[in-house]
Amino acid sequence: MILVVGAGLSGMSFSLHARGDDVLLVEKEREVGGLCRSIRVEGFTFDYTGHLLHLRDPSMEGWVKEVLPDWRLHHRRAAIHLGRTLIPYPFQANLWALPPSLKRECLEGYRRREAKGEGFVSWVKGNFGEGMAHHFFLPYNRKLWLYPLEEMAPEWAERFIPIPDPSQVEEGAKAPPNRNYGYHHRFLYPSSGGIGAFSEALGKGIKNLLLGKELVALRIAPKEAVFSDGEIIRYDRLIATLPLVELLRRIEDLPEEGEEWLRRLRYVSVTALHLGIEGKVNFPYHWIYFPEPEYPFYRVGFPSSLSPSMAPQGMRSMTVEVAHLPDQSLDRESLKDGCLRGLRRSGLLEEGERVVVMRVSEIRHAYVFFDRWRGENLSRIMAFLRKGGIYPLGRYARWEYSTMEDALREGRALARELAG
């Protein structure tokens, strides 16, 4: 029997693509979706955090539209807030929008850039130069990752940060570019119901699904999973989609070096403040990045820009994201006050606009930190788990930075692998 723990996108994709009836999917929450769920309050719909479906695989796009036919196609509208100026994303291809002195500094730094070193900071300066590193890349990433960037490896960045060639950077300093950059320049979003509508549609196709049942312990030698209701389930293979740190903490027969594995798995948490606003309805952006340290948030998203169904008529919505270390205790009232002050200062919340809904959601395992220990540490952990018949699946179980499509494809690929 194959036991799947966690009904997020990867777990559901595995269950839907697996052959036979010997697959059981178990989820601790009372609904499917994991972080791809939506909150509905007083006519507003908010996602736990920004989830947009960027598709590159035509077969995956066809399958997704079979599961949920009604999607809206978007072309990215994103910006970087810098000194009351909004610079179109990506920064490195839109230097034309900078004030003249700042543009000159960024261009001169780009032209003098040196060969890339091993770490993330050297990678940034080697690709974009001192000016762009100083004004955007380093302050933004310090605000998001919180750990010293000198300890960060660049392997995640090579896929997710666009690198225009020199002629494109130079042309982008003169006028808006005539091409798109980045993996998420085009994406799908449900016409109604938020991203949770897609998760709910996936869940309807799963035969053997148990909700409200949390894994509390694992015994690898006898292949036993212990759940919060006291039930013990024997398995032949276990597909684990819960965060890797939580999986390891539940293993009763973890080897002595397991504590060292856990110590080296670092990650960042996020608190999201969801706001429903009575005021200006139409807003031109999907999200805005905030590298400046005087703002407590690193990103602000606008759910009502993705679909009119996300807010009642005559209203709009925002999701404000604040990163913090997992053991850092945040005072919610101070967080709300600081975010509201920052939104007013930036002009995103205007005089006379009224906040009618305010909701907070917590994402404990939001971003895994790519440090110099990650590769060696992961190889040892994964070898131990595979030997015990455990297959980590999805972004947090595999301890990586990936997209919704990656989760769906990895679930499908593992189902095919285990089917032979």
Protein backbone atom coordinates (compact mmCIF):
# COMPACT_ATOMS: atom_id res chain seq x y z
CA MET A 1 0.00 0.00 0.00
CA ILE A 2 1.18 3.53 -0.83
CA LEU A 3 0.45 6.09 1.89
CA VAL A 4 0.52 9.77 0.83
CA VAL A 5 0.83 12.32 3.64
CA GLY A 6 -0.31 15.83 2.73
CA ALA A 7 -3.02 16.90 0.26
CA GLY A 8 -1.20 19.85 -1.26
CA LEU A 9 -0.68 20.08 -5.02
CA SER A 10 2.09 17.47 -5.21
CA GLY A 11 0.30 14.94 -3.01
CA MET A 12 -2.93 15.31 -4.93
CA SER A 13 -1.17 15.14 -8.29
CA PHE A 14 0.56 11.90 -7.23
CA SER A 15 -2.74 10.41 -6.04
CA LEU A 16 -4.56 11.35 -9.24
CA HIS A 17 -1.84 9.96 -11.50
CA ALA A 18 -1.12 6.79 -9.50
CA ARG A 19 -2.53 3.52 -10.82
CA GLY A 20 -4.62 1.13 -8.76
CA ASP A 21 -6.68 1.50 -5.61
CA ASP A 22 -3.88 0.90 -3.10
CA VAL A 23 -3.14 4.63 -2.63
CA LEU A 24 -4.41 6.42 0.49
CA LEU A 25 -4.06 10.22 0.82
CA VAL A 26 -4.17 11.64 4.36
CA GLU A 27 -4.39 15.36 5.20
CA LYS A 28 -4.25 17.00 8.64
CA GLU A 29 -6.53 19.92 7.68
CA ARG A 30 -10.27 19.69 7.06
CA GLU A 31 -9.77 20.72 3.44
CA VAL A 32 -7.29 19.98 0.65
CA GLY A 33 -4.79 22.36 -0.89
CA GLY A 34 -2.01 22.92 1.64
CA LEU A 35 -0.81 26.47 1.08
CA CYS A 36 -2.84 26.62 -2.15
CA ARG A 37 -6.00 27.35 -0.21
CA SER A 38 -8.19 30.43 -0.07
CA ILE A 39 -9.80 32.31 2.81
CA ARG A 40 -13.29 33.73 2.33
CA VAL A 41 -14.44 36.51 4.63
CA GLU A 42 -17.24 39.09 4.22
CA GLY A 43 -17.36 38.78 0.45
CA PHE A 44 -13.56 38.89 -0.02
CA THR A 45 -11.41 35.95 -1.11
CA PHE A 46 -7.74 35.85 -0.11
CA ASP A 47 -5.14 33.20 -0.87
CA TYR A 48 -2.83 32.18 1.97
CA THR A 49 -0.08 33.74 -0.11
CA GLY A 50 0.49 34.53 -3.78
CA HIS A 51 -0.07 31.43 -5.92
CA LEU A 52 -0.14 31.86 -9.69
CA LEU A 53 -0.01 29.04 -12.23
CA HIS A 54 2.92 29.48 -14.63
CA LEU A 55 2.81 26.71 -17.23
CA ARG A 56 5.52 25.59 -19.65
CA ASP A 57 4.42 22.01 -20.29
CA PRO A 58 1.54 21.80 -22.84
CA SER A 59 0.41 18.43 -21.50
CA MET A 60 0.19 19.86 -17.98
CA GLU A 61 -1.77 22.87 -19.23
CA GLY A 62 -4.26 20.56 -20.95
CA TRP A 63 -4.70 18.48 -17.79
CA VAL A 64 -5.10 21.55 -15.57
CA LYS A 65 -7.87 22.89 -17.80
CA GLU A 66 -9.66 19.54 -17.68
CA VAL A 67 -9.61 19.68 -13.88
CA LEU A 68 -10.81 23.31 -13.75
CA PRO A 69 -12.02 24.75 -17.08
CA ASP A 70 -12.55 28.39 -16.03
CA TRP A 71 -9.29 30.37 -15.86
CA ARG A 72 -8.23 33.94 -16.55
CA LEU A 73 -5.00 34.46 -18.54
CA HIS A 74 -2.79 37.25 -17.20
CA HIS A 75 0.34 38.96 -18.46
CA ARG A 76 2.41 40.00 -15.48
CA ARG A 77 2.06 43.54 -14.17
CA ALA A 78 4.63 43.87 -11.41
CA ALA A 79 6.83 46.68 -10.14
CA ILE A 80 9.56 47.60 -7.65
CA HIS A 81 8.93 50.48 -5.24
CA LEU A 82 11.98 52.71 -4.99
CA GLY A 83 11.82 56.20 -3.51
CA ARG A 84 8.15 56.77 -4.38
CA THR A 85 8.89 55.60 -7.94
CA LEU A 86 7.51 52.35 -9.35
CA ILE A 87 10.03 50.59 -11.59
CA PRO A 88 8.56 47.89 -13.87
CA TYR A 89 9.75 44.38 -13.08
CA PRO A 90 12.37 43.10 -13.78
CA PHE A 91 14.54 45.92 -12.47
CA GLN A 92 17.58 44.95 -14.56
CA ALA A 93 15.67 45.31 -17.86
CA ASN A 94 13.87 48.57 -16.99
CA LEU A 95 16.54 51.05 -15.98
CA TRP A 96 14.78 53.63 -18.21
CA ALA A 97 12.30 54.20 -15.36
CA LEU A 98 14.96 55.24 -12.82
CA PRO A 99 15.82 58.86 -11.97
CA PRO A 100 18.79 59.98 -14.16
CA SER A 101 21.49 59.85 -11.44
CA LEU A 102 20.38 56.42 -10.23
CA LYS A 103 20.19 55.09 -13.78
CA ARG A 104 23.72 56.31 -14.47
CA GLU A 105 25.02 54.64 -11.28
CA CYS A 106 23.36 51.33 -12.15
CA LEU A 107 24.57 51.39 -15.75
CA GLU A 108 28.14 52.27 -14.82
CA GLY A 109 28.18 49.53 -12.21
CA TYR A 110 26.81 47.06 -14.75
CA ARG A 111 29.50 47.95 -17.30
CA ARG A 112 32.23 47.47 -14.67
CA ARG A 113 30.92 44.21 -13.26
CA GLU A 114 33.48 41.51 -12.53
CA ALA A 115 33.48 37.73 -12.82
CA LYS A 116 31.03 35.90 -10.56
CA GLY A 117 32.29 34.23 -7.40
CA GLU A 118 30.75 31.28 -5.59
CA GLY A 119 28.22 32.89 -3.25
CA PHE A 120 24.92 34.66 -3.92
CA VAL A 121 26.33 38.17 -3.30
CA SER A 122 29.13 37.58 -5.82
CA TRP A 123 26.61 36.09 -8.25
CA VAL A 124 24.45 39.23 -8.04
CA LYS A 125 27.34 41.65 -8.46
CA GLY A 126 28.84 39.56 -11.27
CA ASN A 127 25.56 39.54 -13.21
CA PHE A 128 24.20 43.03 -12.47
CA GLY A 129 26.99 45.19 -11.04
CA GLU A 130 27.39 47.18 -7.83
CA GLY A 131 24.65 49.77 -8.50
CA MET A 132 21.79 47.33 -9.10
CA ALA A 133 23.06 45.11 -6.29
CA HIS A 134 23.11 48.05 -3.85
CA HIS A 135 19.73 49.57 -4.73
CA PHE A 136 17.60 46.49 -5.33
CA PHE A 137 18.95 42.95 -5.30
CA LEU A 138 20.78 42.91 -1.97
CA PRO A 139 18.34 44.97 0.16
CA TYR A 140 15.35 43.06 -1.18
CA ASN A 141 16.90 39.66 -0.58
CA ARG A 142 18.13 40.65 2.88
CA LYS A 143 14.56 41.61 3.75
CA LEU A 144 13.16 38.35 2.39
CA TRP A 145 15.75 35.77 3.51
CA LEU A 146 16.87 37.41 6.82
CA TYR A 147 19.94 35.19 7.13
CA PRO A 148 23.33 36.63 6.07
CA LEU A 149 23.41 36.65 2.26
CA GLU A 150 27.14 35.88 2.40
CA GLU A 151 26.13 32.36 3.49
CA MET A 152 23.65 31.93 0.63
CA ALA A 153 24.32 29.83 -2.46
CA PRO A 154 23.04 31.13 -5.83
CA GLU A 155 21.63 27.85 -7.18
CA TRP A 156 17.98 28.88 -6.69
CA ALA A 157 18.55 32.29 -8.33
CA GLU A 158 19.85 30.94 -11.62
CA ARG A 159 16.36 29.78 -12.58
CA PHE A 160 14.18 32.46 -11.01
CA ILE A 161 16.04 35.76 -11.58
CA PRO A 162 16.07 36.83 -15.26
CA ILE A 163 19.49 37.69 -16.71
CA PRO A 164 19.18 39.88 -19.85
CA ASP A 165 22.20 40.03 -22.13
CA PRO A 166 24.25 43.28 -22.20
CA SER A 167 22.50 44.71 -25.27
CA GLN A 168 19.12 44.17 -23.62
CA VAL A 169 20.23 45.92 -20.43
CA GLU A 170 21.54 48.86 -22.46
CA GLU A 171 18.35 49.08 -24.53
CA GLY A 172 16.24 48.79 -21.39
CA ALA A 173 18.03 51.85 -20.03
CA LYS A 174 16.69 53.89 -22.98
CA ALA A 175 13.09 52.67 -23.37
CA PRO A 176 10.69 49.98 -22.12
CA PRO A 177 11.76 46.55 -23.43
CA ASN A 178 9.81 44.95 -26.26
CA ARG A 179 10.09 41.43 -24.82
CA ASN A 180 9.10 39.58 -21.64
CA TYR A 181 11.56 38.35 -19.01
CA GLY A 182 11.19 35.76 -16.29
CA TYR A 183 9.36 32.49 -15.79
CA HIS A 184 6.18 34.21 -14.55
CA HIS A 185 5.51 36.78 -17.28
CA ARG A 186 2.37 34.84 -18.26
CA PHE A 187 0.15 32.93 -15.85
CA LEU A 188 -3.30 31.52 -15.20
CA TYR A 189 -5.59 32.27 -12.28
CA PRO A 190 -9.07 30.88 -11.52
CA SER A 191 -11.93 33.10 -12.67
CA SER A 192 -13.56 32.73 -9.26
CA GLY A 193 -12.89 31.21 -5.87
CA GLY A 194 -9.21 32.10 -5.61
CA ILE A 195 -6.43 29.55 -6.02
CA GLY A 196 -8.34 27.33 -3.61
CA ALA A 197 -10.86 26.65 -6.39
CA PHE A 198 -8.19 24.68 -8.26
CA SER A 199 -7.22 22.67 -5.18
CA GLU A 200 -10.87 21.89 -4.47
CA ALA A 201 -11.34 20.70 -8.06
CA LEU A 202 -8.29 18.43 -7.76
CA GLY A 203 -9.60 16.99 -4.50
CA LYS A 204 -12.90 15.94 -6.06
CA GLY A 205 -11.11 13.40 -8.26
CA ILE A 206 -9.32 11.54 -5.45
CA LYS A 207 -10.82 8.20 -4.43
CA ASN A 208 -9.20 7.45 -1.09
CA LEU A 209 -8.87 10.67 0.92
CA LEU A 210 -8.96 11.17 4.68
CA LEU A 211 -9.14 14.72 6.08
CA GLY A 212 -8.50 15.99 9.61
CA LYS A 213 -5.95 13.26 10.27
CA GLU A 214 -2.46 14.40 11.27
CA LEU A 215 0.72 12.32 11.13
CA VAL A 216 2.34 12.44 14.59
CA ALA A 217 5.02 9.73 14.37
CA LEU A 218 6.84 7.49 11.90
CA ARG A 219 8.55 4.18 12.58
CA ILE A 220 10.74 3.44 9.60
CA ALA A 221 11.85 -0.10 10.47
CA PRO A 222 8.32 -1.59 10.72
CA LYS A 223 6.97 0.98 8.18
CA GLU A 224 4.29 2.31 10.51
CA ALA A 225 2.66 5.75 10.47
CA VAL A 226 0.95 6.91 13.67
CA PHE A 227 -1.86 9.47 13.43
CA SER A 228 -3.47 11.96 15.80
CA ASP A 229 -6.55 9.78 16.29
CA GLY A 230 -4.37 6.89 17.47
CA GLU A 231 -4.63 4.85 14.27
CA ILE A 232 -1.48 3.12 13.04
CA ILE A 233 -1.27 2.55 9.28
CA ARG A 234 1.22 0.09 7.79
CA TYR A 235 2.61 1.02 4.39
CA ASP A 236 4.90 -0.34 1.72
CA ARG A 237 5.90 3.12 0.46
CA LEU A 238 5.25 6.50 2.01
CA ILE A 239 4.99 9.67 -0.09
CA ALA A 240 5.74 12.57 2.27
CA THR A 241 4.83 16.11 1.23
CA LEU A 242 5.04 17.81 4.63
CA PRO A 243 8.05 20.09 5.22
CA LEU A 244 11.26 18.10 5.55
CA VAL A 245 12.00 19.44 9.05
CA GLU A 246 8.56 18.30 10.26
CA LEU A 247 8.98 14.90 8.63
CA LEU A 248 12.34 14.29 10.34
CA ARG A 249 10.98 15.39 13.74
CA ARG A 250 8.28 12.72 13.48
CA ILE A 251 10.69 9.83 12.81
CA GLU A 252 11.15 7.86 16.02
CA ASP A 253 14.11 5.85 14.73
CA LEU A 254 16.07 8.81 13.35
CA PRO A 255 19.86 8.15 13.44
CA GLU A 256 22.14 10.10 15.78
CA GLU A 257 23.21 12.46 13.01
CA GLY A 258 19.56 13.43 12.48
CA GLU A 259 19.83 16.32 14.96
CA GLU A 260 22.65 17.77 12.87
CA TRP A 261 20.53 17.38 9.72
CA LEU A 262 17.73 19.33 11.38
CA ARG A 263 20.04 22.06 12.65
CA ARG A 264 21.25 22.73 9.12
CA LEU A 265 17.80 22.99 7.55
CA ARG A 266 17.14 26.71 7.80
CA TYR A 267 14.01 28.45 6.60
CA VAL A 268 12.03 31.69 6.73
CA SER A 269 8.47 32.20 7.94
CA VAL A 270 5.95 34.70 6.53
CA THR A 271 3.01 36.50 8.11
CA ALA A 272 0.46 37.72 5.57
CA LEU A 273 -1.91 40.59 6.33
CA HIS A 274 -5.03 40.44 4.13
CA LEU A 275 -6.91 43.72 3.68
CA GLY A 276 -10.31 44.48 2.19
CA ILE A 277 -10.54 48.14 1.21
CA GLU A 278 -13.44 50.41 0.38
CA GLY A 279 -12.13 52.95 -2.11
CA LYS A 280 -10.38 52.97 -5.48
CA VAL A 281 -11.33 49.76 -7.28
CA ASN A 282 -9.06 49.44 -10.29
CA PHE A 283 -5.36 48.98 -9.62
CA PRO A 284 -2.79 48.54 -12.40
CA TYR A 285 -0.47 45.99 -10.73
CA HIS A 286 -0.64 42.35 -9.67
CA TRP A 287 2.12 42.82 -7.07
CA ILE A 288 4.85 45.26 -5.99
CA TYR A 289 8.25 44.50 -4.41
CA PHE A 290 9.56 46.70 -1.55
CA PRO A 291 13.37 46.54 -1.09
CA GLU A 292 13.54 49.64 1.14
CA PRO A 293 14.20 48.85 4.83
CA GLU A 294 11.79 51.52 6.11
CA TYR A 295 8.86 49.36 4.96
CA PRO A 296 8.21 46.27 7.10
CA PHE A 297 6.87 44.24 4.17
CA TYR A 298 8.83 42.84 1.23
CA ARG A 299 5.90 42.42 -1.15
CA VAL A 300 2.31 43.59 -1.56
CA GLY A 301 -0.10 41.65 -3.78
CA PHE A 302 -3.46 42.73 -5.13
CA PRO A 303 -5.90 39.77 -5.32
CA SER A 304 -8.70 41.85 -6.82
CA SER A 305 -6.41 42.58 -9.79
CA LEU A 306 -6.44 38.85 -10.56
CA SER A 307 -10.22 38.47 -10.67
CA PRO A 308 -13.14 40.81 -9.89
CA SER A 309 -14.70 37.98 -7.89
CA MET A 310 -12.00 38.40 -5.21
CA ALA A 311 -13.70 41.49 -3.73
CA PRO A 312 -17.28 42.82 -3.43
CA GLN A 313 -18.38 45.44 -5.90
CA GLY A 314 -16.85 48.84 -5.20
CA MET A 315 -13.98 47.39 -3.17
CA ARG A 316 -10.46 46.04 -3.66
CA SER A 317 -8.03 43.87 -1.74
CA MET A 318 -4.36 43.62 -0.78
CA THR A 319 -2.13 40.97 0.76
CA VAL A 320 0.90 42.36 2.60
CA GLU A 321 3.75 39.92 3.29
CA VAL A 322 6.26 40.23 6.13
CA ALA A 323 9.16 37.77 6.52
CA HIS A 324 10.50 36.71 9.91
CA LEU A 325 12.60 33.94 11.42
CA PRO A 326 10.62 30.90 12.66
CA ASP A 327 11.44 31.50 16.33
CA GLN A 328 10.65 35.23 16.13
CA SER A 329 7.43 36.17 17.90
CA LEU A 330 5.50 38.91 16.11
CA ASP A 331 2.97 41.12 17.87
CA ARG A 332 0.00 41.12 15.53
CA GLU A 333 -1.28 44.55 16.50
CA SER A 334 2.15 46.13 16.00
CA LEU A 335 2.44 44.29 12.69
CA LYS A 336 -0.92 45.63 11.51
CA ASP A 337 -0.09 49.19 12.57
CA GLY A 338 3.34 49.10 10.92
CA CYS A 339 1.95 47.71 7.67
CA LEU A 340 -0.86 50.27 7.52
CA ARG A 341 1.60 53.11 8.11
CA GLY A 342 3.83 51.75 5.36
CA LEU A 343 0.93 51.42 2.91
CA ARG A 344 -0.14 55.01 3.56
CA ARG A 345 3.43 56.26 3.22
CA SER A 346 3.83 54.47 -0.12
CA GLY A 347 0.51 55.77 -1.43
CA LEU A 348 -1.03 52.31 -1.80
CA LEU A 349 -3.58 53.22 0.86
CA GLU A 350 -4.93 56.68 0.10
CA GLU A 351 -6.57 59.29 2.27
CA GLY A 352 -10.26 58.54 2.70
CA GLU A 353 -9.98 54.85 1.86
CA ARG A 354 -11.40 52.61 4.56
CA VAL A 355 -10.11 49.18 5.60
CA VAL A 356 -13.23 47.06 6.12
CA VAL A 357 -11.61 43.62 6.50
CA MET A 358 -8.31 42.70 8.12
CA ARG A 359 -7.19 39.06 8.43
CA VAL A 360 -3.81 37.52 9.29
CA SER A 361 -2.47 34.16 8.11
CA GLU A 362 0.78 32.48 9.14
CA ILE A 363 3.07 30.47 6.87
CA ARG A 364 5.69 28.83 9.05
CA HIS A 365 7.71 27.14 6.29
CA ALA A 366 7.62 29.80 3.59
CA TYR A 367 11.10 29.87 2.01
CA VAL A 368 13.94 27.39 2.51
CA PHE A 369 17.38 28.96 2.83
CA PHE A 370 19.95 27.82 0.28
CA ASP A 371 23.21 27.78 2.20
CA ARG A 372 26.55 26.07 1.59
CA TRP A 373 25.51 23.01 3.64
CA ARG A 374 22.27 22.35 1.80
CA GLY A 375 23.49 20.04 -0.97
CA GLU A 376 25.56 17.67 1.15
CA ASN A 377 22.99 17.69 3.96
CA LEU A 378 20.10 16.89 1.61
CA SER A 379 21.91 14.05 -0.12
CA ARG A 380 22.40 12.29 3.23
CA ILE A 381 18.81 12.87 4.32
CA MET A 382 17.32 11.71 1.03
CA ALA A 383 19.46 8.55 0.97
CA PHE A 384 18.29 7.68 4.49
CA LEU A 385 14.62 8.27 3.63
CA ARG A 386 14.67 6.36 0.34
CA LYS A 387 16.31 3.40 2.07
CA GLY A 388 13.34 3.39 4.44
CA GLY A 389 10.76 3.48 1.66
CA ILE A 390 9.97 7.20 2.10
CA TYR A 391 9.73 9.47 -0.96
CA PRO A 392 9.80 13.22 -0.21
CA LEU A 393 7.65 15.06 -2.74
CA GLY A 394 6.96 18.75 -3.37
CA ARG A 395 8.64 22.03 -2.59
CA TYR A 396 8.97 21.71 1.18
CA ALA A 397 9.57 17.98 1.45
CA ARG A 398 12.37 18.22 -1.14
CA TRP A 399 13.57 21.45 0.52
CA GLU A 400 13.65 23.58 -2.61
CA TYR A 401 12.24 26.67 -4.29
CA SER A 402 9.75 25.75 -7.00
CA THR A 403 6.44 26.59 -8.70
CA MET A 404 2.90 25.21 -8.73
CA GLU A 405 3.60 23.52 -12.05
CA ASP A 406 6.71 21.88 -10.58
CA ALA A 407 4.59 20.39 -7.78
CA LEU A 408 2.05 19.01 -10.25
CA ARG A 409 4.70 17.62 -12.59
CA GLU A 410 6.75 16.05 -9.79
CA GLY A 411 3.64 14.30 -8.46
CA ARG A 412 2.89 12.91 -11.89
CA ALA A 413 6.51 11.87 -12.47
CA LEU A 414 6.79 10.00 -9.17
CA ALA A 415 3.49 8.20 -9.77
CA ARG A 416 4.81 7.01 -13.14
CA GLU A 417 8.16 6.02 -11.62
CA LEU A 418 6.57 3.87 -8.93
CA ALA A 419 4.19 2.33 -11.46
CA GLY A 420 7.26 0.97 -13.23
